PDB file of N, CA and C in Angstrom:
ATOM      1  N   MET A   1       1.612 -13.232  -2.641  1.00  0.00           N
ATOM      2  CA  MET A   1       2.449 -12.070  -2.793  1.00  0.00           C
ATOM      3  C   MET A   1       1.690 -10.804  -2.405  1.00  0.00           C
ATOM      4  N   GLY A   2       0.364 -10.840  -2.471  1.00  0.00           N
ATOM      5  CA  GLY A   2      -0.417  -9.656  -2.173  1.00  0.00           C
ATOM      6  C   GLY A   2      -0.617  -9.400  -0.697  1.00  0.00           C
ATOM      7  N   GLY A   3      -0.514 -10.433   0.124  1.00  0.00           N
ATOM      8  CA  GLY A   3      -0.656 -10.246   1.560  1.00  0.00           C
ATOM      9  C   GLY A   3      -2.023  -9.732   1.958  1.00  0.00           C
ATOM     10  N   VAL A   4      -2.049  -8.880   2.948  1.00  0.00           N
ATOM     11  CA  VAL A   4      -3.295  -8.366   3.508  1.00  0.00           C
ATOM     12  C   VAL A   4      -4.074  -7.534   2.496  1.00  0.00           C
ATOM     13  N   THR A   5      -3.376  -6.803   1.654  1.00  0.00           N
ATOM     14  CA  THR A   5      -4.041  -5.872   0.742  1.00  0.00           C
ATOM     15  C   THR A   5      -4.412  -6.479  -0.595  1.00  0.00           C
ATOM     16  N   ASN A   6      -3.919  -7.684  -0.881  1.00  0.00           N
ATOM     17  CA  ASN A   6      -4.100  -8.319  -2.188  1.00  0.00           C
ATOM     18  C   ASN A   6      -3.449  -7.523  -3.306  1.00  0.00           C
ATOM     19  N   VAL A   7      -2.516  -6.700  -2.960  1.00  0.00           N
ATOM     20  CA  VAL A   7      -1.741  -5.929  -3.928  1.00  0.00           C
ATOM     21  C   VAL A   7      -0.277  -6.291  -3.701  1.00  0.00           C
ATOM     22  N   PRO A   8       0.460  -6.598  -4.767  1.00  0.00           N
ATOM     23  CA  PRO A   8       1.875  -6.953  -4.580  1.00  0.00           C
ATOM     24  C   PRO A   8       2.705  -5.738  -4.161  1.00  0.00           C
ATOM     25  N   SER A   9       2.545  -5.337  -2.918  1.00  0.00           N
ATOM     26  CA  SER A   9       3.128  -4.091  -2.405  1.00  0.00           C
ATOM     27  C   SER A   9       4.642  -4.041  -2.503  1.00  0.00           C
ATOM     28  N   LEU A  10       5.307  -5.052  -1.980  1.00  0.00           N
ATOM     29  CA  LEU A  10       6.770  -5.001  -1.956  1.00  0.00           C
ATOM     30  C   LEU A  10       7.388  -4.916  -3.344  1.00  0.00           C
ATOM     31  N   PRO A  11       6.976  -5.750  -4.295  1.00  0.00           N
ATOM     32  CA  PRO A  11       7.558  -5.590  -5.630  1.00  0.00           C
ATOM     33  C   PRO A  11       7.282  -4.214  -6.231  1.00  0.00           C
ATOM     34  N   LEU A  12       6.086  -3.687  -5.987  1.00  0.00           N
ATOM     35  CA  LEU A  12       5.772  -2.354  -6.510  1.00  0.00           C
ATOM     36  C   LEU A  12       6.649  -1.286  -5.871  1.00  0.00           C
ATOM     37  N   ILE A  13       6.796  -1.354  -4.560  1.00  0.00           N
ATOM     38  CA  ILE A  13       7.623  -0.366  -3.862  1.00  0.00           C
ATOM     39  C   ILE A  13       9.063  -0.454  -4.346  1.00  0.00           C
ATOM     40  N   LEU A  14       9.576  -1.674  -4.463  1.00  0.00           N
ATOM     41  CA  LEU A  14      10.946  -1.851  -4.952  1.00  0.00           C
ATOM     42  C   LEU A  14      11.095  -1.331  -6.379  1.00  0.00           C
ATOM     43  N   TYR A  15      10.119  -1.624  -7.218  1.00  0.00           N
ATOM     44  CA  TYR A  15      10.169  -1.177  -8.611  1.00  0.00           C
ATOM     45  C   TYR A  15      10.145   0.347  -8.694  1.00  0.00           C
ATOM     46  N   PHE A  16       9.193   0.961  -8.019  1.00  0.00           N
ATOM     47  CA  PHE A  16       9.092   2.424  -8.064  1.00  0.00           C
ATOM     48  C   PHE A  16      10.324   3.078  -7.443  1.00  0.00           C
ATOM     49  N   TYR A  17      10.850   2.478  -6.384  1.00  0.00           N
ATOM     50  CA  TYR A  17      12.059   3.021  -5.759  1.00  0.00           C
ATOM     51  C   TYR A  17      13.246   2.925  -6.720  1.00  0.00           C
ATOM     52  N   ALA A  18      13.356   1.786  -7.410  1.00  0.00           N
ATOM     53  CA  ALA A  18      14.463   1.584  -8.354  1.00  0.00           C
ATOM     54  C   ALA A  18      14.393   2.559  -9.525  1.00  0.00           C
ATOM     55  N   LEU A  19      13.198   3.028  -9.851  1.00  0.00           N
ATOM     56  CA  LEU A  19      13.058   4.007 -10.932  1.00  0.00           C
ATOM     57  C   LEU A  19      13.609   5.374 -10.539  1.00  0.00           C
ATOM     58  N   GLY A  20      13.867   5.571  -9.253  1.00  0.00           N
ATOM     59  CA  GLY A  20      14.419   6.838  -8.787  1.00  0.00           C
ATOM     60  C   GLY A  20      13.422   7.985  -8.817  1.00  0.00           C
ATOM     61  N   MET A  21      12.160   7.672  -8.588  1.00  0.00           N
ATOM     62  CA  MET A  21      11.109   8.697  -8.611  1.00  0.00           C
ATOM     63  C   MET A  21      11.295   9.699  -7.480  1.00  0.00           C
ATOM     64  N   GLU A  22      10.855  10.922  -7.732  1.00  0.00           N
ATOM     65  CA  GLU A  22      10.763  11.907  -6.659  1.00  0.00           C
ATOM     66  C   GLU A  22       9.715  11.409  -5.670  1.00  0.00           C
ATOM     67  N   LYS A  23       9.789  11.866  -4.424  1.00  0.00           N
ATOM     68  CA  LYS A  23       8.904  11.308  -3.395  1.00  0.00           C
ATOM     69  C   LYS A  23       7.429  11.527  -3.704  1.00  0.00           C
ATOM     70  N   ASP A  24       7.054  12.692  -4.245  1.00  0.00           N
ATOM     71  CA  ASP A  24       5.640  12.926  -4.572  1.00  0.00           C
ATOM     72  C   ASP A  24       5.160  11.965  -5.658  1.00  0.00           C
ATOM     73  N   GLU A  25       5.976  11.789  -6.686  1.00  0.00           N
ATOM     74  CA  GLU A  25       5.627  10.875  -7.771  1.00  0.00           C
ATOM     75  C   GLU A  25       5.579   9.431  -7.260  1.00  0.00           C
ATOM     76  N   PHE A  26       6.496   9.084  -6.380  1.00  0.00           N
ATOM     77  CA  PHE A  26       6.553   7.751  -5.779  1.00  0.00           C
ATOM     78  C   PHE A  26       5.253   7.456  -5.030  1.00  0.00           C
ATOM     79  N   VAL A  27       4.843   8.374  -4.172  1.00  0.00           N
ATOM     80  CA  VAL A  27       3.626   8.175  -3.376  1.00  0.00           C
ATOM     81  C   VAL A  27       2.395   8.147  -4.278  1.00  0.00           C
ATOM     82  N   ARG A  28       2.322   9.056  -5.242  1.00  0.00           N
ATOM     83  CA  ARG A  28       1.187   9.070  -6.179  1.00  0.00           C
ATOM     84  C   ARG A  28       1.105   7.760  -6.957  1.00  0.00           C
ATOM     85  N   SER A  29       2.248   7.273  -7.413  1.00  0.00           N
ATOM     86  CA  SER A  29       2.268   6.036  -8.205  1.00  0.00           C
ATOM     87  C   SER A  29       1.768   4.850  -7.390  1.00  0.00           C
ATOM     88  N   ILE A  30       2.208   4.760  -6.158  1.00  0.00           N
ATOM     89  CA  ILE A  30       1.749   3.667  -5.299  1.00  0.00           C
ATOM     90  C   ILE A  30       0.251   3.805  -5.027  1.00  0.00           C
ATOM     91  N   ALA A  31      -0.203   5.011  -4.746  1.00  0.00           N
ATOM     92  CA  ALA A  31      -1.623   5.228  -4.448  1.00  0.00           C
ATOM     93  C   ALA A  31      -2.500   4.874  -5.646  1.00  0.00           C
ATOM     94  N   VAL A  32      -2.113   5.307  -6.833  1.00  0.00           N
ATOM     95  CA  VAL A  32      -2.905   5.014  -8.033  1.00  0.00           C
ATOM     96  C   VAL A  32      -2.913   3.514  -8.315  1.00  0.00           C
ATOM     97  N   THR A  33      -1.779   2.864  -8.121  1.00  0.00           N
ATOM     98  CA  THR A  33      -1.703   1.420  -8.352  1.00  0.00           C
ATOM     99  C   THR A  33      -2.595   0.666  -7.371  1.00  0.00           C
ATOM    100  N   PHE A  34      -2.547   1.036  -6.092  1.00  0.00           N
ATOM    101  CA  PHE A  34      -3.419   0.404  -5.099  1.00  0.00           C
ATOM    102  C   PHE A  34      -4.885   0.636  -5.455  1.00  0.00           C
ATOM    103  N   LEU A  35      -5.230   1.855  -5.852  1.00  0.00           N
ATOM    104  CA  LEU A  35      -6.612   2.162  -6.216  1.00  0.00           C
ATOM    105  C   LEU A  35      -7.065   1.301  -7.389  1.00  0.00           C
ATOM    106  N   ALA A  36      -6.227   1.180  -8.403  1.00  0.00           N
ATOM    107  CA  ALA A  36      -6.583   0.362  -9.566  1.00  0.00           C
ATOM    108  C   ALA A  36      -6.790  -1.099  -9.162  1.00  0.00           C
ATOM    109  N   TYR A  37      -5.885  -1.636  -8.369  1.00  0.00           N
ATOM    110  CA  TYR A  37      -6.024  -3.019  -7.905  1.00  0.00           C
ATOM    111  C   TYR A  37      -7.319  -3.200  -7.119  1.00  0.00           C
ATOM    112  N   LYS A  38      -7.611  -2.282  -6.227  1.00  0.00           N
ATOM    113  CA  LYS A  38      -8.791  -2.432  -5.381  1.00  0.00           C
ATOM    114  C   LYS A  38     -10.080  -2.273  -6.180  1.00  0.00           C
ATOM    115  N   LEU A  39     -10.087  -1.405  -7.195  1.00  0.00           N
ATOM    116  CA  LEU A  39     -11.282  -1.271  -8.034  1.00  0.00           C
ATOM    117  C   LEU A  39     -11.540  -2.555  -8.818  1.00  0.00           C
ATOM    118  N   VAL A  40     -10.485  -3.150  -9.345  1.00  0.00           N
ATOM    119  CA  VAL A  40     -10.632  -4.428 -10.052  1.00  0.00           C
ATOM    120  C   VAL A  40     -11.139  -5.494  -9.083  1.00  0.00           C
ATOM    121  N   GLN A  41     -10.606  -5.504  -7.873  1.00  0.00           N
ATOM    122  CA  GLN A  41     -11.051  -6.477  -6.878  1.00  0.00           C
ATOM    123  C   GLN A  41     -12.522  -6.256  -6.524  1.00  0.00           C
ATOM    124  N   LEU A  42     -12.924  -5.012  -6.365  1.00  0.00           N
ATOM    125  CA  LEU A  42     -14.316  -4.704  -6.037  1.00  0.00           C
ATOM    126  C   LEU A  42     -15.257  -5.215  -7.121  1.00  0.00           C
ATOM    127  N   VAL A  43     -14.938  -4.913  -8.365  1.00  0.00           N
ATOM    128  CA  VAL A  43     -15.770  -5.373  -9.481  1.00  0.00           C
ATOM    129  C   VAL A  43     -15.818  -6.902  -9.508  1.00  0.00           C
ATOM    130  N   SER A  44     -14.698  -7.538  -9.281  1.00  0.00           N
ATOM    131  CA  SER A  44     -14.644  -9.006  -9.285  1.00  0.00           C
ATOM    132  C   SER A  44     -15.504  -9.598  -8.175  1.00  0.00           C
ATOM    133  N   LEU A  45     -15.405  -9.046  -6.973  1.00  0.00           N
ATOM    134  CA  LEU A  45     -16.188  -9.564  -5.846  1.00  0.00           C
ATOM    135  C   LEU A  45     -17.685  -9.380  -6.062  1.00  0.00           C
ATOM    136  N   VAL A  46     -18.071  -8.241  -6.610  1.00  0.00           N
ATOM    137  CA  VAL A  46     -19.488  -8.000  -6.892  1.00  0.00           C
ATOM    138  C   VAL A  46     -19.968  -8.947  -7.989  1.00  0.00           C
ATOM    139  N   THR A  47     -19.155  -9.124  -9.012  1.00  0.00           N
ATOM    140  CA  THR A  47     -19.529  -9.969 -10.147  1.00  0.00           C
ATOM    141  C   THR A  47     -19.785 -11.413  -9.731  1.00  0.00           C
ATOM    142  N   VAL A  48     -18.965 -11.952  -8.846  1.00  0.00           N
ATOM    143  CA  VAL A  48     -19.139 -13.354  -8.435  1.00  0.00           C
ATOM    144  C   VAL A  48     -20.037 -13.498  -7.203  1.00  0.00           C
ATOM    145  N   GLY A  49     -20.577 -12.383  -6.722  1.00  0.00           N
ATOM    146  CA  GLY A  49     -21.532 -12.431  -5.622  1.00  0.00           C
ATOM    147  C   GLY A  49     -20.935 -12.613  -4.240  1.00  0.00           C
ATOM    148  N   LEU A  50     -19.672 -12.259  -4.066  1.00  0.00           N
ATOM    149  CA  LEU A  50     -19.032 -12.417  -2.757  1.00  0.00           C
ATOM    150  C   LEU A  50     -19.092 -11.161  -1.896  1.00  0.00           C
ATOM    151  N   LEU A  51     -19.666 -10.102  -2.410  1.00  0.00           N
ATOM    152  CA  LEU A  51     -19.733  -8.855  -1.648  1.00  0.00           C
ATOM    153  C   LEU A  51     -21.195  -8.512  -1.400  1.00  0.00           C
ATOM    154  N   ASP A  52     -21.683  -8.870  -0.207  1.00  0.00           N
ATOM    155  CA  ASP A  52     -23.062  -8.563   0.150  1.00  0.00           C
ATOM    156  C   ASP A  52     -23.125  -7.215   0.867  1.00  0.00           C
ATOM    157  N   GLY A  53     -24.307  -6.789   1.227  1.00  0.00           N
ATOM    158  CA  GLY A  53     -24.495  -5.482   1.853  1.00  0.00           C
ATOM    159  C   GLY A  53     -23.753  -5.315   3.166  1.00  0.00           C
ATOM    160  N   ARG A  54     -23.762  -6.346   4.008  1.00  0.00           N
ATOM    161  CA  ARG A  54     -23.091  -6.266   5.308  1.00  0.00           C
ATOM    162  C   ARG A  54     -21.579  -6.135   5.128  1.00  0.00           C
ATOM    163  N   LEU A  55     -21.039  -6.946   4.266  1.00  0.00           N
ATOM    164  CA  LEU A  55     -19.599  -6.903   4.006  1.00  0.00           C
ATOM    165  C   LEU A  55     -19.205  -5.587   3.334  1.00  0.00           C
ATOM    166  N   PHE A  56     -20.081  -5.090   2.460  1.00  0.00           N
ATOM    167  CA  PHE A  56     -19.807  -3.811   1.811  1.00  0.00           C
ATOM    168  C   PHE A  56     -19.757  -2.687   2.843  1.00  0.00           C
ATOM    169  N   GLY A  57     -20.683  -2.699   3.809  1.00  0.00           N
ATOM    170  CA  GLY A  57     -20.685  -1.677   4.859  1.00  0.00           C
ATOM    171  C   GLY A  57     -19.416  -1.714   5.695  1.00  0.00           C
ATOM    172  N   ALA A  58     -18.990  -2.911   6.060  1.00  0.00           N
ATOM    173  CA  ALA A  58     -17.745  -3.047   6.826  1.00  0.00           C
ATOM    174  C   ALA A  58     -16.557  -2.576   6.000  1.00  0.00           C
ATOM    175  N   SER A  59     -16.550  -2.919   4.730  1.00  0.00           N
ATOM    176  CA  SER A  59     -15.461  -2.489   3.846  1.00  0.00           C
ATOM    177  C   SER A  59     -15.436  -0.980   3.701  1.00  0.00           C
ATOM    178  N   LEU A  60     -16.601  -0.382   3.623  1.00  0.00           N
ATOM    179  CA  LEU A  60     -16.684   1.075   3.502  1.00  0.00           C
ATOM    180  C   LEU A  60     -16.128   1.754   4.751  1.00  0.00           C
ATOM    181  N   ALA A  61     -16.449   1.203   5.915  1.00  0.00           N
ATOM    182  CA  ALA A  61     -15.918   1.762   7.166  1.00  0.00           C
ATOM    183  C   ALA A  61     -14.398   1.640   7.209  1.00  0.00           C
ATOM    184  N   LEU A  62     -13.875   0.509   6.796  1.00  0.00           N
ATOM    185  CA  LEU A  62     -12.422   0.326   6.783  1.00  0.00           C
ATOM    186  C   LEU A  62     -11.761   1.194   5.719  1.00  0.00           C
ATOM    187  N   THR A  63     -12.480   1.475   4.644  1.00  0.00           N
ATOM    188  CA  THR A  63     -11.949   2.376   3.620  1.00  0.00           C
ATOM    189  C   THR A  63     -11.757   3.769   4.199  1.00  0.00           C
ATOM    190  N   ALA A  64     -12.683   4.200   5.044  1.00  0.00           N
ATOM    191  CA  ALA A  64     -12.545   5.508   5.689  1.00  0.00           C
ATOM    192  C   ALA A  64     -11.290   5.547   6.559  1.00  0.00           C
ATOM    193  N   VAL A  65     -11.023   4.466   7.267  1.00  0.00           N
ATOM    194  CA  VAL A  65      -9.809   4.379   8.086  1.00  0.00           C
ATOM    195  C   VAL A  65      -8.570   4.445   7.192  1.00  0.00           C
ATOM    196  N   ALA A  66      -8.596   3.715   6.084  1.00  0.00           N
ATOM    197  CA  ALA A  66      -7.453   3.699   5.164  1.00  0.00           C
ATOM    198  C   ALA A  66      -7.206   5.079   4.555  1.00  0.00           C
ATOM    199  N   VAL A  67      -8.265   5.777   4.190  1.00  0.00           N
ATOM    200  CA  VAL A  67      -8.119   7.124   3.623  1.00  0.00           C
ATOM    201  C   VAL A  67      -7.543   8.069   4.677  1.00  0.00           C
ATOM    202  N   GLY A  68      -7.993   7.941   5.911  1.00  0.00           N
ATOM    203  CA  GLY A  68      -7.436   8.757   6.992  1.00  0.00           C
ATOM    204  C   GLY A  68      -5.959   8.481   7.213  1.00  0.00           C
ATOM    205  N   ALA A  69      -5.588   7.206   7.193  1.00  0.00           N
ATOM    206  CA  ALA A  69      -4.174   6.845   7.353  1.00  0.00           C
ATOM    207  C   ALA A  69      -3.349   7.359   6.182  1.00  0.00           C
ATOM    208  N   PHE A  70      -3.912   7.309   4.989  1.00  0.00           N
ATOM    209  CA  PHE A  70      -3.213   7.825   3.810  1.00  0.00           C
ATOM    210  C   PHE A  70      -2.997   9.331   3.940  1.00  0.00           C
ATOM    211  N   ALA A  71      -4.027  10.045   4.388  1.00  0.00           N
ATOM    212  CA  ALA A  71      -3.898  11.498   4.575  1.00  0.00           C
ATOM    213  C   ALA A  71      -2.830  11.818   5.618  1.00  0.00           C
ATOM    214  N   LEU A  72      -2.807  11.058   6.695  1.00  0.00           N
ATOM    215  CA  LEU A  72      -1.774  11.245   7.720  1.00  0.00           C
ATOM    216  C   LEU A  72      -0.390  10.969   7.138  1.00  0.00           C
ATOM    217  N   GLY A  73      -0.286   9.906   6.349  1.00  0.00           N
ATOM    218  CA  GLY A  73       0.982   9.583   5.700  1.00  0.00           C
ATOM    219  C   GLY A  73       1.456  10.682   4.766  1.00  0.00           C
ATOM    220  N   LEU A  74       0.523  11.308   4.058  1.00  0.00           N
ATOM    221  CA  LEU A  74       0.889  12.423   3.179  1.00  0.00           C
ATOM    222  C   LEU A  74       1.446  13.593   3.982  1.00  0.00           C
ATOM    223  N   ARG A  75       0.853  13.847   5.132  1.00  0.00           N
ATOM    224  CA  ARG A  75       1.344  14.952   5.969  1.00  0.00           C
ATOM    225  C   ARG A  75       2.753  14.664   6.479  1.00  0.00           C
ATOM    226  N   VAL A  76       2.993  13.419   6.877  1.00  0.00           N
ATOM    227  CA  VAL A  76       4.333  13.037   7.336  1.00  0.00           C
ATOM    228  C   VAL A  76       5.317  13.140   6.178  1.00  0.00           C
ATOM    229  N   GLN A  77       4.925  12.636   5.025  1.00  0.00           N
ATOM    230  CA  GLN A  77       5.782  12.670   3.847  1.00  0.00           C
ATOM    231  C   GLN A  77       6.129  14.103   3.459  1.00  0.00           C
ATOM    232  N   ASP A  78       5.179  15.011   3.579  1.00  0.00           N
ATOM    233  CA  ASP A  78       5.428  16.419   3.242  1.00  0.00           C
ATOM    234  C   ASP A  78       6.483  17.040   4.148  1.00  0.00           C
ATOM    235  N   ARG A  79       6.596  16.546   5.360  1.00  0.00           N
ATOM    236  CA  ARG A  79       7.557  17.118   6.313  1.00  0.00           C
ATOM    237  C   ARG A  79       8.970  16.561   6.145  1.00  0.00           C
ATOM    238  N   LEU A  80       9.107  15.483   5.399  1.00  0.00           N
ATOM    239  CA  LEU A  80      10.418  14.867   5.196  1.00  0.00           C
ATOM    240  C   LEU A  80      11.061  15.398   3.919  1.00  0.00           C
ATOM    241  N   ASP A  81      12.349  15.677   3.988  1.00  0.00           N
ATOM    242  CA  ASP A  81      13.041  16.011   2.744  1.00  0.00           C
ATOM    243  C   ASP A  81      13.278  14.710   1.976  1.00  0.00           C
ATOM    244  N   ALA A  82      13.742  14.825   0.736  1.00  0.00           N
ATOM    245  CA  ALA A  82      13.884  13.655  -0.134  1.00  0.00           C
ATOM    246  C   ALA A  82      14.820  12.608   0.462  1.00  0.00           C
ATOM    247  N   ARG A  83      15.906  13.054   1.062  1.00  0.00           N
ATOM    248  CA  ARG A  83      16.872  12.107   1.631  1.00  0.00           C
ATOM    249  C   ARG A  83      16.263  11.337   2.804  1.00  0.00           C
ATOM    250  N   ALA A  84      15.584  12.042   3.698  1.00  0.00           N
ATOM    251  CA  ALA A  84      14.947  11.380   4.845  1.00  0.00           C
ATOM    252  C   ALA A  84      13.841  10.436   4.374  1.00  0.00           C
ATOM    253  N   PHE A  85      13.104  10.841   3.351  1.00  0.00           N
ATOM    254  CA  PHE A  85      12.045   9.991   2.803  1.00  0.00           C
ATOM    255  C   PHE A  85      12.641   8.701   2.241  1.00  0.00           C
ATOM    256  N   ASN A  86      13.704   8.830   1.453  1.00  0.00           N
ATOM    257  CA  ASN A  86      14.357   7.644   0.888  1.00  0.00           C
ATOM    258  C   ASN A  86      14.884   6.731   1.988  1.00  0.00           C
ATOM    259  N   ARG A  87      15.446   7.322   3.016  1.00  0.00           N
ATOM    260  CA  ARG A  87      15.939   6.531   4.143  1.00  0.00           C
ATOM    261  C   ARG A  87      14.775   5.798   4.822  1.00  0.00           C
ATOM    262  N   ALA A  88      13.653   6.479   5.002  1.00  0.00           N
ATOM    263  CA  ALA A  88      12.487   5.852   5.627  1.00  0.00           C
ATOM    264  C   ALA A  88      11.978   4.683   4.781  1.00  0.00           C
ATOM    265  N   VAL A  89      11.962   4.854   3.468  1.00  0.00           N
ATOM    266  CA  VAL A  89      11.534   3.762   2.581  1.00  0.00           C
ATOM    267  C   VAL A  89      12.478   2.571   2.723  1.00  0.00           C
ATOM    268  N   LEU A  90      13.782   2.833   2.742  1.00  0.00           N
ATOM    269  CA  LEU A  90      14.750   1.743   2.875  1.00  0.00           C
ATOM    270  C   LEU A  90      14.652   1.048   4.229  1.00  0.00           C
ATOM    271  N   VAL A  91      14.421   1.816   5.295  1.00  0.00           N
ATOM    272  CA  VAL A  91      14.246   1.213   6.625  1.00  0.00           C
ATOM    273  C   VAL A  91      12.993   0.336   6.628  1.00  0.00           C
ATOM    274  N   PHE A  92      11.922   0.830   6.047  1.00  0.00           N
ATOM    275  CA  PHE A  92      10.673   0.069   5.945  1.00  0.00           C
ATOM    276  C   PHE A  92      10.899  -1.240   5.189  1.00  0.00           C
ATOM    277  N   LEU A  93      11.547  -1.160   4.033  1.00  0.00           N
ATOM    278  CA  LEU A  93      11.803  -2.358   3.238  1.00  0.00           C
ATOM    279  C   LEU A  93      12.728  -3.326   3.970  1.00  0.00           C
ATOM    280  N   SER A  94      13.726  -2.791   4.648  1.00  0.00           N
ATOM    281  CA  SER A  94      14.650  -3.639   5.410  1.00  0.00           C
ATOM    282  C   SER A  94      13.932  -4.349   6.551  1.00  0.00           C
ATOM    283  N   ALA A  95      13.076  -3.626   7.256  1.00  0.00           N
ATOM    284  CA  ALA A  95      12.322  -4.225   8.361  1.00  0.00           C
ATOM    285  C   ALA A  95      11.424  -5.349   7.854  1.00  0.00           C
ATOM    286  N   ILE A  96      10.772  -5.128   6.737  1.00  0.00           N
ATOM    287  CA  ILE A  96       9.925  -6.180   6.170  1.00  0.00           C
ATOM    288  C   ILE A  96      10.775  -7.370   5.733  1.00  0.00           C
ATOM    289  N   GLY A  97      11.933  -7.093   5.151  1.00  0.00           N
ATOM    290  CA  GLY A  97      12.832  -8.172   4.747  1.00  0.00           C
ATOM    291  C   GLY A  97      13.270  -9.019   5.924  1.00  0.00           C
ATOM    292  N   VAL A  98      13.652  -8.373   7.017  1.00  0.00           N
ATOM    293  CA  VAL A  98      14.053  -9.108   8.227  1.00  0.00           C
ATOM    294  C   VAL A  98      12.883  -9.923   8.757  1.00  0.00           C
ATOM    295  N   TRP A  99      11.708  -9.325   8.789  1.00  0.00           N
ATOM    296  CA  TRP A  99      10.516 -10.026   9.270  1.00  0.00           C
ATOM    297  C   TRP A  99      10.229 -11.260   8.415  1.00  0.00           C
ATOM    298  N   LEU A 100      10.356 -11.139   7.097  1.00  0.00           N
ATOM    299  CA  LEU A 100      10.109 -12.275   6.211  1.00  0.00           C
ATOM    300  C   LEU A 100      11.128 -13.393   6.435  1.00  0.00           C
ATOM    301  N   VAL A 101      12.385 -13.032   6.643  1.00  0.00           N
ATOM    302  CA  VAL A 101      13.419 -14.043   6.899  1.00  0.00           C
ATOM    303  C   VAL A 101      13.142 -14.752   8.220  1.00  0.00           C
ATOM    304  N   VAL A 102      12.847 -13.993   9.268  1.00  0.00           N
ATOM    305  CA  VAL A 102      12.554 -14.592  10.579  1.00  0.00           C
ATOM    306  C   VAL A 102      11.344 -15.510  10.471  1.00  0.00           C
ATOM    307  N   ARG A 103      10.330 -15.059   9.793  1.00  0.00           N
ATOM    308  CA  ARG A 103       9.120 -15.866   9.628  1.00  0.00           C
ATOM    309  C   ARG A 103       9.410 -17.158   8.857  1.00  0.00           C
ATOM    310  N   ALA A 104      10.260 -17.063   7.851  1.00  0.00           N
ATOM    311  CA  ALA A 104      10.597 -18.245   7.051  1.00  0.00           C
ATOM    312  C   ALA A 104      11.417 -19.255   7.854  1.00  0.00           C
ATOM    313  N   LEU A 105      12.187 -18.774   8.819  1.00  0.00           N
ATOM    314  CA  LEU A 105      13.039 -19.660   9.610  1.00  0.00           C
ATOM    315  C   LEU A 105      12.298 -20.347  10.751  1.00  0.00           C
ATOM    316  N   ARG A 106      11.099 -19.945  11.032  1.00  0.00           N
ATOM    317  CA  ARG A 106      10.332 -20.556  12.134  1.00  0.00           C
ATOM    318  C   ARG A 106       9.828 -21.909  11.772  1.00  0.00           C
TER     319      ARG A 106
END
């Protein structure tokens, strides 16, 4: 259920969307949840010895990319009014739903 990020993104997005959050609160809630999941994952990987120096360096570089993408996403989100933002979320969820159905039918 976690996919690439190891975070159950779709259920979280659906849950937060169903709560009717304002767009700023929606984005903050998702960001904090992802951060919490990733911190727990980091501690777990270090604890069991699966995160060595080389892998940590690569992860750090990818974290910089993720933070940059998040900052870009915030700028885009700031330019959208609430209605356009909600529509974008629904289009995103619909596209993922179609992709999952197509993938399941293969």
